[in-house]
Amino acid sequence: VQDHGPGIAEADQARLFEPFARLHEGQRGAPEGAGLGLVLVRAVAERHGGKASVRSAAGAGAVFRIELPVA
């Protein structure tokens, strides 16, 4: 999945997959949620022998990727 949003600083990318992580908490217009979505995505991918990752740069959008092995 690719977006063209504000991007994610490299220092914050690892935190995206931590439970309850909310990178923009306290900012006006911050997205709502519990911070569990990407934790669940990574857990499901890993249970199937795969992985989930993000590639991004501040100001340049983000690419979220799920890789699963071929059966």
N, C-alpha and C. Protein backbone atom coordinates (compact mmCIF):
# COMPACT_ATOMS: atom_id res chain seq x y z
N VAL A 1 0.86 -1.16 0.00
CA VAL A 1 0.00 0.00 0.00
C VAL A 1 0.90 1.22 0.00
N GLN A 2 0.63 2.16 -0.87
CA GLN A 2 1.43 3.38 -0.96
C GLN A 2 0.53 4.59 -0.73
N ASP A 3 1.05 5.56 0.01
CA ASP A 3 0.31 6.81 0.16
C ASP A 3 1.23 7.98 -0.18
N HIS A 4 0.65 9.14 -0.26
CA HIS A 4 1.42 10.34 -0.60
C HIS A 4 1.29 11.37 0.51
N GLY A 5 1.19 10.87 1.74
CA GLY A 5 1.03 11.73 2.91
C GLY A 5 2.35 12.37 3.33
N PRO A 6 2.42 12.82 4.58
CA PRO A 6 3.59 13.54 5.07
C PRO A 6 4.82 12.66 5.29
N GLY A 7 4.68 11.35 5.18
CA GLY A 7 5.81 10.47 5.39
C GLY A 7 6.06 10.22 6.87
N ILE A 8 7.01 9.34 7.14
CA ILE A 8 7.34 8.94 8.50
C ILE A 8 8.84 9.03 8.67
N ALA A 9 9.28 9.77 9.65
CA ALA A 9 10.72 9.90 9.92
C ALA A 9 11.32 8.53 10.20
N GLU A 10 12.53 8.31 9.75
CA GLU A 10 13.20 7.02 9.92
C GLU A 10 13.25 6.59 11.38
N ALA A 11 13.47 7.52 12.27
CA ALA A 11 13.55 7.20 13.70
C ALA A 11 12.23 6.68 14.25
N ASP A 12 11.11 7.03 13.62
CA ASP A 12 9.79 6.60 14.09
C ASP A 12 9.29 5.32 13.43
N GLN A 13 9.91 4.88 12.37
CA GLN A 13 9.39 3.74 11.61
C GLN A 13 9.33 2.45 12.40
N ALA A 14 10.32 2.15 13.21
CA ALA A 14 10.31 0.92 14.01
C ALA A 14 9.18 0.94 15.02
N ARG A 15 8.84 2.10 15.54
CA ARG A 15 7.77 2.22 16.53
C ARG A 15 6.39 1.93 15.94
N LEU A 16 6.24 2.05 14.63
CA LEU A 16 4.94 1.81 14.01
C LEU A 16 4.38 0.43 14.32
N PHE A 17 5.24 -0.54 14.49
CA PHE A 17 4.82 -1.92 14.70
C PHE A 17 4.80 -2.30 16.17
N GLU A 18 4.92 -1.33 17.08
CA GLU A 18 4.83 -1.57 18.51
C GLU A 18 3.38 -1.36 18.96
N PRO A 19 2.92 -2.17 19.93
CA PRO A 19 1.55 -2.00 20.41
C PRO A 19 1.31 -0.60 20.96
N PHE A 20 0.17 -0.05 20.61
CA PHE A 20 -0.32 1.23 21.10
C PHE A 20 0.52 2.43 20.67
N ALA A 21 1.38 2.27 19.67
CA ALA A 21 2.19 3.38 19.18
C ALA A 21 1.31 4.34 18.39
N ARG A 22 1.45 5.61 18.69
CA ARG A 22 0.74 6.67 17.96
C ARG A 22 1.73 7.80 17.77
N LEU A 23 2.22 7.94 16.57
CA LEU A 23 3.32 8.87 16.32
C LEU A 23 2.93 10.33 16.43
N HIS A 24 1.69 10.65 16.12
CA HIS A 24 1.28 12.05 16.09
C HIS A 24 0.33 12.40 17.23
N GLU A 25 0.41 11.66 18.30
CA GLU A 25 -0.50 11.87 19.42
C GLU A 25 -0.36 13.29 19.97
N GLY A 26 -1.47 13.90 20.25
CA GLY A 26 -1.46 15.24 20.80
C GLY A 26 -1.49 16.34 19.76
N GLN A 27 -1.29 16.02 18.51
CA GLN A 27 -1.34 17.03 17.45
C GLN A 27 -2.77 17.21 16.99
N ARG A 28 -3.09 18.41 16.63
CA ARG A 28 -4.43 18.68 16.10
C ARG A 28 -4.64 17.90 14.80
N GLY A 29 -5.77 17.26 14.70
CA GLY A 29 -6.06 16.48 13.50
C GLY A 29 -5.38 15.13 13.46
N ALA A 30 -4.82 14.71 14.59
CA ALA A 30 -4.15 13.41 14.64
C ALA A 30 -5.17 12.30 14.42
N PRO A 31 -4.79 11.24 13.73
CA PRO A 31 -5.72 10.14 13.49
C PRO A 31 -6.12 9.46 14.80
N GLU A 32 -7.35 8.99 14.84
CA GLU A 32 -7.82 8.26 16.00
C GLU A 32 -7.47 6.79 15.84
N GLY A 33 -7.48 6.08 16.93
CA GLY A 33 -7.23 4.64 16.90
C GLY A 33 -6.48 4.21 18.13
N ALA A 34 -6.39 2.91 18.29
CA ALA A 34 -5.74 2.35 19.47
C ALA A 34 -4.26 2.08 19.25
N GLY A 35 -3.81 2.12 18.01
CA GLY A 35 -2.40 1.82 17.75
C GLY A 35 -2.13 0.33 17.67
N LEU A 36 -3.12 -0.44 17.22
CA LEU A 36 -2.94 -1.89 17.14
C LEU A 36 -2.97 -2.42 15.71
N GLY A 37 -3.39 -1.63 14.76
CA GLY A 37 -3.55 -2.12 13.39
C GLY A 37 -2.30 -2.73 12.79
N LEU A 38 -1.20 -2.00 12.81
CA LEU A 38 0.02 -2.52 12.20
C LEU A 38 0.66 -3.64 13.04
N VAL A 39 0.40 -3.64 14.34
CA VAL A 39 0.86 -4.74 15.19
C VAL A 39 0.18 -6.04 14.73
N LEU A 40 -1.12 -5.96 14.47
CA LEU A 40 -1.86 -7.13 14.02
C LEU A 40 -1.43 -7.56 12.62
N VAL A 41 -1.20 -6.60 11.74
CA VAL A 41 -0.74 -6.92 10.38
C VAL A 41 0.58 -7.68 10.44
N ARG A 42 1.52 -7.18 11.23
CA ARG A 42 2.82 -7.85 11.34
C ARG A 42 2.67 -9.24 11.95
N ALA A 43 1.85 -9.38 12.99
CA ALA A 43 1.67 -10.67 13.65
C ALA A 43 1.09 -11.70 12.68
N VAL A 44 0.09 -11.32 11.90
CA VAL A 44 -0.51 -12.25 10.93
C VAL A 44 0.52 -12.63 9.87
N ALA A 45 1.25 -11.66 9.36
CA ALA A 45 2.27 -11.96 8.34
C ALA A 45 3.31 -12.93 8.89
N GLU A 46 3.78 -12.68 10.12
CA GLU A 46 4.80 -13.54 10.70
C GLU A 46 4.27 -14.94 10.99
N ARG A 47 3.01 -15.05 11.38
CA ARG A 47 2.41 -16.38 11.63
C ARG A 47 2.35 -17.20 10.36
N HIS A 48 2.36 -16.55 9.23
CA HIS A 48 2.34 -17.23 7.94
C HIS A 48 3.74 -17.32 7.32
N GLY A 49 4.76 -17.04 8.12
CA GLY A 49 6.13 -17.15 7.64
C GLY A 49 6.61 -15.95 6.86
N GLY A 50 5.92 -14.85 6.94
CA GLY A 50 6.29 -13.66 6.18
C GLY A 50 6.72 -12.52 7.06
N LYS A 51 6.62 -11.32 6.52
CA LYS A 51 6.99 -10.13 7.26
C LYS A 51 6.23 -8.92 6.74
N ALA A 52 6.17 -7.91 7.58
CA ALA A 52 5.55 -6.63 7.21
C ALA A 52 6.60 -5.55 7.41
N SER A 53 6.62 -4.57 6.53
CA SER A 53 7.63 -3.52 6.62
C SER A 53 7.07 -2.20 6.09
N VAL A 54 7.82 -1.15 6.36
CA VAL A 54 7.46 0.18 5.87
C VAL A 54 8.72 0.82 5.28
N ARG A 55 8.53 1.58 4.22
CA ARG A 55 9.61 2.39 3.63
C ARG A 55 9.06 3.78 3.47
N SER A 56 9.74 4.76 4.04
CA SER A 56 9.23 6.11 4.00
C SER A 56 10.34 7.11 4.27
N ALA A 57 10.07 8.35 3.94
CA ALA A 57 10.93 9.47 4.28
C ALA A 57 10.03 10.64 4.62
N ALA A 58 10.42 11.42 5.57
CA ALA A 58 9.62 12.58 5.96
C ALA A 58 9.33 13.44 4.74
N GLY A 59 8.07 13.75 4.52
CA GLY A 59 7.65 14.57 3.39
C GLY A 59 7.47 13.84 2.08
N ALA A 60 7.65 12.50 2.08
CA ALA A 60 7.62 11.77 0.81
C ALA A 60 6.66 10.59 0.79
N GLY A 61 5.66 10.56 1.65
CA GLY A 61 4.72 9.44 1.65
C GLY A 61 5.33 8.19 2.25
N ALA A 62 4.60 7.09 2.16
CA ALA A 62 5.06 5.83 2.75
C ALA A 62 4.59 4.66 1.90
N VAL A 63 5.35 3.57 1.96
CA VAL A 63 4.99 2.31 1.30
C VAL A 63 4.99 1.24 2.38
N PHE A 64 3.84 0.61 2.59
CA PHE A 64 3.73 -0.50 3.52
C PHE A 64 3.67 -1.78 2.71
N ARG A 65 4.44 -2.78 3.14
CA ARG A 65 4.57 -4.00 2.35
C ARG A 65 4.40 -5.23 3.23
N ILE A 66 3.69 -6.21 2.71
CA ILE A 66 3.56 -7.52 3.36
C ILE A 66 4.14 -8.54 2.40
N GLU A 67 5.07 -9.35 2.88
CA GLU A 67 5.66 -10.40 2.07
C GLU A 67 5.32 -11.74 2.70
N LEU A 68 4.78 -12.65 1.89
CA LEU A 68 4.43 -13.99 2.33
C LEU A 68 5.13 -15.00 1.45
N PRO A 69 5.57 -16.13 2.03
CA PRO A 69 6.23 -17.14 1.22
C PRO A 69 5.24 -17.85 0.30
N VAL A 70 5.73 -18.35 -0.80
CA VAL A 70 4.93 -19.13 -1.72
C VAL A 70 4.70 -20.50 -1.09
N ALA A 71 3.49 -21.01 -1.14
CA ALA A 71 3.15 -22.28 -0.50
C ALA A 71 3.90 -23.43 -1.14
